[in-house]
C-alpha cells in the first residue's frame, strides 16, 4: 500500500545478473550487422550483389539466436537447445 520506511538488505532481495552472451553469439551478431550495412551499400550503388549480403545477414542472425539460446540453456541447466 505504501512505503513502510524499511530498506531491504541485499541478502533479502538478491539481484539476478543478466546472462552474459557467449562469444560466438557476439561474433555472429557483428557479422549480421556488418552484412546488413554491406547490403544497404550494395543496393544503393545499384549492385545485385546485395542479395548475397542479405542471405548472409539471415544466416548470421539465426546463428546469433542459436548460440545465445545455447548459452542461456547451458547456464540454466541441462536441456535441448532446439526443444
PDB file of N, CA and C in Angstrom:
ATOM      1  N   UNK A   1       0.811  -1.194   0.000  1.00  0.00           N
ATOM      2  CA  UNK A   1       0.000   0.000   0.000  1.00  0.00           C
ATOM      3  C   UNK A   1       0.849   1.250   0.000  1.00  0.00           C
ATOM      4  N   UNK A   2       1.834   1.258   0.850  1.00  0.00           N
ATOM      5  CA  UNK A   2       2.690   2.425   0.908  1.00  0.00           C
ATOM      6  C   UNK A   2       4.078   2.020   1.336  1.00  0.00           C
ATOM      7  N   UNK A   3       4.929   2.991   1.409  1.00  0.00           N
ATOM      8  CA  UNK A   3       6.291   2.733   1.830  1.00  0.00           C
ATOM      9  C   UNK A   3       6.313   2.597   3.341  1.00  0.00           C
ATOM     10  N   UNK A   4       6.876   1.499   3.818  1.00  0.00           N
ATOM     11  CA  UNK A   4       6.939   1.270   5.264  1.00  0.00           C
ATOM     12  C   UNK A   4       8.181   1.877   5.873  1.00  0.00           C
ATOM     13  N   UNK A   5       9.077   2.372   5.046  1.00  0.00           N
ATOM     14  CA  UNK A   5      10.273   3.004   5.554  1.00  0.00           C
ATOM     15  C   UNK A   5      11.420   2.042   5.768  1.00  0.00           C
ATOM     16  N   UNK A   6      11.148   0.745   5.630  1.00  0.00           N
ATOM     17  CA  UNK A   6      12.211  -0.238   5.813  1.00  0.00           C
ATOM     18  C   UNK A   6      12.959  -0.426   4.503  1.00  0.00           C
ATOM     19  N   UNK A   7      14.238  -0.600   4.631  1.00  0.00           N
ATOM     20  CA  UNK A   7      15.061  -0.888   3.462  1.00  0.00           C
ATOM     21  C   UNK A   7      15.428  -2.359   3.499  1.00  0.00           C
ATOM     22  N   UNK A   8      15.325  -2.980   2.329  1.00  0.00           N
ATOM     23  CA  UNK A   8      15.687  -4.394   2.268  1.00  0.00           C
ATOM     24  C   UNK A   8      17.183  -4.518   2.061  1.00  0.00           C
ATOM     25  N   UNK A   9      17.765  -5.454   2.757  1.00  0.00           N
ATOM     26  CA  UNK A   9      19.199  -5.688   2.602  1.00  0.00           C
ATOM     27  C   UNK A   9      19.423  -6.557   1.371  1.00  0.00           C
ATOM     28  N   UNK A  10      20.643  -6.550   0.811  1.00  0.00           N
ATOM     29  CA  UNK A  10      20.919  -7.368  -0.382  1.00  0.00           C
ATOM     30  C   UNK A  10      20.712  -8.857  -0.135  1.00  0.00           C
ATOM     31  N   UNK A  11      20.836  -9.306   1.129  1.00  0.00           N
ATOM     32  CA  UNK A  11      20.636 -10.717   1.421  1.00  0.00           C
ATOM     33  C   UNK A  11      19.167 -11.107   1.273  1.00  0.00           C
ATOM     34  N   UNK A  12      18.260 -10.188   1.572  1.00  0.00           N
ATOM     35  CA  UNK A  12      16.846 -10.492   1.487  1.00  0.00           C
ATOM     36  C   UNK A  12      16.340 -10.454   0.047  1.00  0.00           C
ATOM     37  N   UNK A  13      16.911  -9.615  -0.752  1.00  0.00           N
ATOM     38  CA  UNK A  13      16.441  -9.430  -2.123  1.00  0.00           C
ATOM     39  C   UNK A  13      17.632  -9.492  -3.083  1.00  0.00           C
ATOM     40  N   UNK A  14      18.113 -10.702  -3.381  1.00  0.00           N
ATOM     41  CA  UNK A  14      19.281 -10.785  -4.271  1.00  0.00           C
ATOM     42  C   UNK A  14      18.920 -10.369  -5.691  1.00  0.00           C
ATOM     43  N   UNK A  15      19.855  -9.733  -6.340  1.00  0.00           N
ATOM     44  CA  UNK A  15      19.643  -9.309  -7.719  1.00  0.00           C
ATOM     45  C   UNK A  15      20.187 -10.366  -8.651  1.00  0.00           C
ATOM     46  N   UNK A  16      19.446 -10.610  -9.711  1.00  0.00           N
ATOM     47  CA  UNK A  16      19.914 -11.543 -10.716  1.00  0.00           C
ATOM     48  C   UNK A  16      20.672 -10.776 -11.772  1.00  0.00           C
ATOM     49  N   UNK A  17      21.868 -11.232 -12.049  1.00  0.00           N
ATOM     50  CA  UNK A  17      22.661 -10.624 -13.106  1.00  0.00           C
ATOM     51  C   UNK A  17      22.214 -11.196 -14.448  1.00  0.00           C
ATOM     52  N   UNK A  18      22.158 -10.378 -15.486  1.00  0.00           N
ATOM     53  CA  UNK A  18      21.789 -10.916 -16.801  1.00  0.00           C
ATOM     54  C   UNK A  18      22.871 -11.867 -17.299  1.00  0.00           C
ATOM     55  N   UNK A  19      22.436 -12.871 -18.033  1.00  0.00           N
ATOM     56  CA  UNK A  19      23.374 -13.854 -18.560  1.00  0.00           C
ATOM     57  C   UNK A  19      24.270 -13.198 -19.608  1.00  0.00           C
ATOM     58  N   UNK A  20      25.546 -13.491 -19.514  1.00  0.00           N
ATOM     59  CA  UNK A  20      26.487 -12.961 -20.497  1.00  0.00           C
ATOM     60  C   UNK A  20      26.297 -13.700 -21.817  1.00  0.00           C
ATOM     61  N   UNK A  21      26.300 -12.944 -22.909  1.00  0.00           N
ATOM     62  CA  UNK A  21      26.121 -13.562 -24.216  1.00  0.00           C
ATOM     63  C   UNK A  21      27.414 -14.283 -24.607  1.00  0.00           C
ATOM     64  N   UNK A  22      27.302 -15.517 -25.075  1.00  0.00           N
ATOM     65  CA  UNK A  22      28.502 -16.256 -25.472  1.00  0.00           C
ATOM     66  C   UNK A  22      29.262 -15.541 -26.593  1.00  0.00           C
ATOM     67  N   UNK A  23      30.560 -15.797 -26.654  1.00  0.00           N
ATOM     68  CA  UNK A  23      31.423 -15.102 -27.604  1.00  0.00           C
ATOM     69  C   UNK A  23      31.015 -15.362 -29.049  1.00  0.00           C
ATOM     70  N   UNK A  24      30.650 -16.611 -29.372  1.00  0.00           N
ATOM     71  CA  UNK A  24      30.243 -16.907 -30.747  1.00  0.00           C
ATOM     72  C   UNK A  24      28.984 -16.145 -31.139  1.00  0.00           C
ATOM     73  N   UNK A  25      28.084 -15.949 -30.193  1.00  0.00           N
ATOM     74  CA  UNK A  25      26.877 -15.177 -30.482  1.00  0.00           C
ATOM     75  C   UNK A  25      27.229 -13.720 -30.781  1.00  0.00           C
ATOM     76  N   UNK A  26      28.191 -13.184 -30.058  1.00  0.00           N
ATOM     77  CA  UNK A  26      28.606 -11.797 -30.320  1.00  0.00           C
ATOM     78  C   UNK A  26      29.270 -11.661 -31.684  1.00  0.00           C
ATOM     79  N   UNK A  27      30.102 -12.646 -32.052  1.00  0.00           N
ATOM     80  CA  UNK A  27      30.721 -12.615 -33.374  1.00  0.00           C
ATOM     81  C   UNK A  27      29.668 -12.715 -34.481  1.00  0.00           C
ATOM     82  N   UNK A  28      28.698 -13.597 -34.303  1.00  0.00           N
ATOM     83  CA  UNK A  28      27.645 -13.746 -35.305  1.00  0.00           C
ATOM     84  C   UNK A  28      26.803 -12.471 -35.404  1.00  0.00           C
ATOM     85  N   UNK A  29      26.581 -11.817 -34.272  1.00  0.00           N
ATOM     86  CA  UNK A  29      25.836 -10.559 -34.284  1.00  0.00           C
ATOM     87  C   UNK A  29      26.613  -9.476 -35.037  1.00  0.00           C
ATOM     88  N   UNK A  30      27.919  -9.434 -34.836  1.00  0.00           N
ATOM     89  CA  UNK A  30      28.745  -8.457 -35.559  1.00  0.00           C
ATOM     90  C   UNK A  30      28.705  -8.723 -37.065  1.00  0.00           C
ATOM     91  N   UNK A  31      28.770  -9.994 -37.463  1.00  0.00           N
ATOM     92  CA  UNK A  31      28.687 -10.339 -38.886  1.00  0.00           C
ATOM     93  C   UNK A  31      27.326  -9.944 -39.446  1.00  0.00           C
ATOM     94  N   UNK A  32      26.287 -10.142 -38.671  1.00  0.00           N
ATOM     95  CA  UNK A  32      24.937  -9.782 -39.114  1.00  0.00           C
ATOM     96  C   UNK A  32      24.822  -8.277 -39.358  1.00  0.00           C
ATOM     97  N   UNK A  33      25.294  -7.496 -38.412  1.00  0.00           N
ATOM     98  CA  UNK A  33      25.209  -6.039 -38.553  1.00  0.00           C
ATOM     99  C   UNK A  33      26.034  -5.556 -39.741  1.00  0.00           C
ATOM    100  N   UNK A  34      27.240  -6.095 -39.877  1.00  0.00           N
ATOM    101  CA  UNK A  34      28.094  -5.672 -40.995  1.00  0.00           C
ATOM    102  C   UNK A  34      27.539  -6.101 -42.345  1.00  0.00           C
ATOM    103  N   UNK A  35      26.922  -7.282 -42.407  1.00  0.00           N
ATOM    104  CA  UNK A  35      26.364  -7.728 -43.683  1.00  0.00           C
ATOM    105  C   UNK A  35      25.116  -6.927 -44.055  1.00  0.00           C
ATOM    106  N   UNK A  36      24.355  -6.493 -43.077  1.00  0.00           N
ATOM    107  CA  UNK A  36      23.210  -5.623 -43.381  1.00  0.00           C
ATOM    108  C   UNK A  36      23.712  -4.293 -43.933  1.00  0.00           C
ATOM    109  N   UNK A  37      24.763  -3.754 -43.323  1.00  0.00           N
ATOM    110  CA  UNK A  37      25.329  -2.494 -43.827  1.00  0.00           C
ATOM    111  C   UNK A  37      25.873  -2.672 -45.242  1.00  0.00           C
ATOM    112  N   UNK A  38      26.529  -3.805 -45.499  1.00  0.00           N
ATOM    113  CA  UNK A  38      27.057  -4.062 -46.840  1.00  0.00           C
ATOM    114  C   UNK A  38      25.931  -4.226 -47.851  1.00  0.00           C
ATOM    115  N   UNK A  39      24.823  -4.842 -47.443  1.00  0.00           N
ATOM    116  CA  UNK A  39      23.679  -4.996 -48.346  1.00  0.00           C
ATOM    117  C   UNK A  39      23.087  -3.637 -48.706  1.00  0.00           C
ATOM    118  N   UNK A  40      22.971  -2.770 -47.720  1.00  0.00           N
ATOM    119  CA  UNK A  40      22.421  -1.437 -47.982  1.00  0.00           C
ATOM    120  C   UNK A  40      23.318  -0.681 -48.960  1.00  0.00           C
ATOM    121  N   UNK A  41      24.621  -0.733 -48.731  1.00  0.00           N
ATOM    122  CA  UNK A  41      25.560  -0.040 -49.617  1.00  0.00           C
ATOM    123  C   UNK A  41      25.484  -0.624 -51.026  1.00  0.00           C
ATOM    124  N   UNK A  42      25.407  -1.945 -51.129  1.00  0.00           N
ATOM    125  CA  UNK A  42      25.344  -2.579 -52.447  1.00  0.00           C
ATOM    126  C   UNK A  42      24.091  -2.167 -53.208  1.00  0.00           C
ATOM    127  N   UNK A  43      22.957  -2.167 -52.529  1.00  0.00           N
ATOM    128  CA  UNK A  43      21.714  -1.799 -53.203  1.00  0.00           C
ATOM    129  C   UNK A  43      21.687  -0.316 -53.570  1.00  0.00           C
ATOM    130  N   UNK A  44      22.270   0.522 -52.723  1.00  0.00           N
ATOM    131  CA  UNK A  44      22.320   1.956 -53.033  1.00  0.00           C
ATOM    132  C   UNK A  44      23.174   2.198 -54.273  1.00  0.00           C
ATOM    133  N   UNK A  45      24.242   1.434 -54.417  1.00  0.00           N
ATOM    134  CA  UNK A  45      25.104   1.576 -55.587  1.00  0.00           C
ATOM    135  C   UNK A  45      24.543   0.877 -56.822  1.00  0.00           C
ATOM    136  N   UNK A  46      23.429   0.183 -56.668  1.00  0.00           N
ATOM    137  CA  UNK A  46      22.792  -0.457 -57.806  1.00  0.00           C
ATOM    138  C   UNK A  46      23.310  -1.847 -58.116  1.00  0.00           C
ATOM    139  N   UNK A  47      24.016  -2.450 -57.194  1.00  0.00           N
ATOM    140  CA  UNK A  47      24.578  -3.777 -57.417  1.00  0.00           C
ATOM    141  C   UNK A  47      23.631  -4.845 -56.870  1.00  0.00           C
ATOM    142  N   UNK A  48      23.461  -5.904 -57.636  1.00  0.00           N
ATOM    143  CA  UNK A  48      22.617  -7.009 -57.189  1.00  0.00           C
ATOM    144  C   UNK A  48      23.366  -7.941 -56.248  1.00  0.00           C
ATOM    145  N   UNK A  49      24.629  -7.653 -55.996  1.00  0.00           N
ATOM    146  CA  UNK A  49      25.412  -8.437 -55.045  1.00  0.00           C
ATOM    147  C   UNK A  49      24.848  -8.315 -53.624  1.00  0.00           C
ATOM    148  N   UNK A  50      24.028  -7.310 -53.415  1.00  0.00           N
ATOM    149  CA  UNK A  50      23.398  -7.115 -52.110  1.00  0.00           C
ATOM    150  C   UNK A  50      22.549  -8.297 -51.674  1.00  0.00           C
ATOM    151  N   UNK A  51      22.058  -9.075 -52.644  1.00  0.00           N
ATOM    152  CA  UNK A  51      21.248 -10.256 -52.311  1.00  0.00           C
ATOM    153  C   UNK A  51      22.085 -11.246 -51.504  1.00  0.00           C
ATOM    154  N   UNK A  52      23.343 -11.391 -51.878  1.00  0.00           N
ATOM    155  CA  UNK A  52      24.236 -12.294 -51.135  1.00  0.00           C
ATOM    156  C   UNK A  52      24.425 -11.789 -49.710  1.00  0.00           C
ATOM    157  N   UNK A  53      24.557 -10.483 -49.543  1.00  0.00           N
ATOM    158  CA  UNK A  53      24.709  -9.917 -48.206  1.00  0.00           C
ATOM    159  C   UNK A  53      23.446 -10.110 -47.371  1.00  0.00           C
ATOM    160  N   UNK A  54      22.292 -10.013 -47.986  1.00  0.00           N
ATOM    161  CA  UNK A  54      21.038 -10.243 -47.256  1.00  0.00           C
ATOM    162  C   UNK A  54      20.963 -11.691 -46.787  1.00  0.00           C
ATOM    163  N   UNK A  55      21.353 -12.617 -47.652  1.00  0.00           N
ATOM    164  CA  UNK A  55      21.361 -14.028 -47.255  1.00  0.00           C
ATOM    165  C   UNK A  55      22.335 -14.280 -46.119  1.00  0.00           C
ATOM    166  N   UNK A  56      23.498 -13.650 -46.169  1.00  0.00           N
ATOM    167  CA  UNK A  56      24.470 -13.797 -45.088  1.00  0.00           C
ATOM    168  C   UNK A  56      23.943 -13.199 -43.789  1.00  0.00           C
ATOM    169  N   UNK A  57      23.214 -12.101 -43.887  1.00  0.00           N
ATOM    170  CA  UNK A  57      22.613 -11.491 -42.691  1.00  0.00           C
ATOM    171  C   UNK A  57      21.589 -12.428 -42.073  1.00  0.00           C
ATOM    172  N   UNK A  58      20.786 -13.088 -42.899  1.00  0.00           N
ATOM    173  CA  UNK A  58      19.812 -14.032 -42.370  1.00  0.00           C
ATOM    174  C   UNK A  58      20.471 -15.214 -41.689  1.00  0.00           C
ATOM    175  N   UNK A  59      21.503 -15.745 -42.301  1.00  0.00           N
ATOM    176  CA  UNK A  59      22.221 -16.873 -41.711  1.00  0.00           C
ATOM    177  C   UNK A  59      22.877 -16.485 -40.390  1.00  0.00           C
ATOM    178  N   UNK A  60      23.532 -15.345 -40.370  1.00  0.00           N
ATOM    179  CA  UNK A  60      24.223 -14.945 -39.146  1.00  0.00           C
ATOM    180  C   UNK A  60      23.244 -14.562 -38.031  1.00  0.00           C
ATOM    181  N   UNK A  61      22.067 -14.041 -38.377  1.00  0.00           N
ATOM    182  CA  UNK A  61      21.090 -13.746 -37.327  1.00  0.00           C
ATOM    183  C   UNK A  61      20.560 -15.033 -36.702  1.00  0.00           C
ATOM    184  N   UNK A  62      20.382 -16.077 -37.521  1.00  0.00           N
ATOM    185  CA  UNK A  62      19.980 -17.369 -36.969  1.00  0.00           C
ATOM    186  C   UNK A  62      21.076 -17.952 -36.090  1.00  0.00           C
ATOM    187  N   UNK A  63      22.329 -17.782 -36.490  1.00  0.00           N
ATOM    188  CA  UNK A  63      23.437 -18.268 -35.676  1.00  0.00           C
ATOM    189  C   UNK A  63      23.499 -17.511 -34.349  1.00  0.00           C
ATOM    190  N   UNK A  64      23.247 -16.210 -34.387  1.00  0.00           N
ATOM    191  CA  UNK A  64      23.235 -15.418 -33.158  1.00  0.00           C
ATOM    192  C   UNK A  64      22.174 -15.939 -32.203  1.00  0.00           C
ATOM    193  N   UNK A  65      20.977 -16.159 -32.717  1.00  0.00           N
ATOM    194  CA  UNK A  65      19.890 -16.671 -31.884  1.00  0.00           C
ATOM    195  C   UNK A  65      20.257 -18.030 -31.299  1.00  0.00           C
ATOM    196  N   UNK A  66      20.811 -18.910 -32.118  1.00  0.00           N
ATOM    197  CA  UNK A  66      21.143 -20.262 -31.667  1.00  0.00           C
ATOM    198  C   UNK A  66      22.198 -20.240 -30.566  1.00  0.00           C
ATOM    199  N   UNK A  67      23.294 -19.517 -30.787  1.00  0.00           N
ATOM    200  CA  UNK A  67      24.369 -19.509 -29.801  1.00  0.00           C
ATOM    201  C   UNK A  67      23.968 -18.781 -28.523  1.00  0.00           C
ATOM    202  N   UNK A  68      23.169 -17.738 -28.630  1.00  0.00           N
ATOM    203  CA  UNK A  68      22.693 -17.051 -27.424  1.00  0.00           C
ATOM    204  C   UNK A  68      21.774 -17.958 -26.622  1.00  0.00           C
ATOM    205  N   UNK A  69      20.890 -18.671 -27.306  1.00  0.00           N
ATOM    206  CA  UNK A  69      19.982 -19.589 -26.609  1.00  0.00           C
ATOM    207  C   UNK A  69      20.746 -20.765 -26.010  1.00  0.00           C
ATOM    208  N   UNK A  70      21.733 -21.278 -26.743  1.00  0.00           N
ATOM    209  CA  UNK A  70      22.525 -22.393 -26.236  1.00  0.00           C
ATOM    210  C   UNK A  70      23.277 -21.977 -24.969  1.00  0.00           C
ATOM    211  N   UNK A  71      23.807 -20.776 -24.958  1.00  0.00           N
ATOM    212  CA  UNK A  71      24.490 -20.287 -23.766  1.00  0.00           C
ATOM    213  C   UNK A  71      23.547 -20.114 -22.592  1.00  0.00           C
ATOM    214  N   UNK A  72      22.328 -19.625 -22.863  1.00  0.00           N
ATOM    215  CA  UNK A  72      21.345 -19.449 -21.798  1.00  0.00           C
ATOM    216  C   UNK A  72      20.901 -20.788 -21.234  1.00  0.00           C
ATOM    217  N   UNK A  73      20.688 -21.767 -22.111  1.00  0.00           N
ATOM    218  CA  UNK A  73      20.259 -23.090 -21.653  1.00  0.00           C
ATOM    219  C   UNK A  73      21.354 -23.757 -20.853  1.00  0.00           C
ATOM    220  N   UNK A  74      22.596 -23.625 -21.285  1.00  0.00           N
ATOM    221  CA  UNK A  74      23.713 -24.209 -20.542  1.00  0.00           C
ATOM    222  C   UNK A  74      23.845 -23.579 -19.159  1.00  0.00           C
ATOM    223  N   UNK A  75      23.555 -22.304 -19.058  1.00  0.00           N
ATOM    224  CA  UNK A  75      23.672 -21.626 -17.784  1.00  0.00           C
ATOM    225  C   UNK A  75      22.510 -22.007 -16.851  1.00  0.00           C
ATOM    226  N   UNK A  76      21.314 -22.193 -17.420  1.00  0.00           N
ATOM    227  CA  UNK A  76      20.157 -22.533 -16.607  1.00  0.00           C
ATOM    228  C   UNK A  76      20.131 -23.988 -16.191  1.00  0.00           C
ATOM    229  N   UNK A  77      20.668 -24.854 -17.004  1.00  0.00           N
ATOM    230  CA  UNK A  77      20.677 -26.267 -16.662  1.00  0.00           C
ATOM    231  C   UNK A  77      20.603 -27.122 -17.908  1.00  0.00           C
ATOM    232  N   UNK A  78      20.570 -28.431 -17.721  1.00  0.00           N
ATOM    233  CA  UNK A  78      20.540 -29.329 -18.890  1.00  0.00           C
ATOM    234  C   UNK A  78      19.230 -29.222 -19.644  1.00  0.00           C
ATOM    235  N   UNK A  79      19.327 -29.434 -20.942  1.00  0.00           N
ATOM    236  CA  UNK A  79      18.140 -29.388 -21.783  1.00  0.00           C
ATOM    237  C   UNK A  79      18.533 -29.317 -23.237  1.00  0.00           C
ATOM    238  N   UNK A  80      17.560 -29.379 -24.100  1.00  0.00           N
ATOM    239  CA  UNK A  80      17.813 -29.341 -25.525  1.00  0.00           C
ATOM    240  C   UNK A  80      17.734 -27.906 -26.035  1.00  0.00           C
ATOM    241  N   UNK A  81      18.643 -27.544 -26.904  1.00  0.00           N
ATOM    242  CA  UNK A  81      18.638 -26.202 -27.482  1.00  0.00           C
ATOM    243  C   UNK A  81      17.483 -26.032 -28.451  1.00  0.00           C
ATOM    244  N   UNK A  82      17.190 -27.090 -29.203  1.00  0.00           N
ATOM    245  CA  UNK A  82      16.157 -26.977 -30.226  1.00  0.00           C
ATOM    246  C   UNK A  82      14.769 -27.287 -29.708  1.00  0.00           C
ATOM    247  N   UNK A  83      14.639 -27.761 -28.505  1.00  0.00           N
ATOM    248  CA  UNK A  83      13.338 -28.189 -27.989  1.00  0.00           C
ATOM    249  C   UNK A  83      12.667 -27.240 -27.150  1.00  0.00           C
TER     250      UNK A  83
END
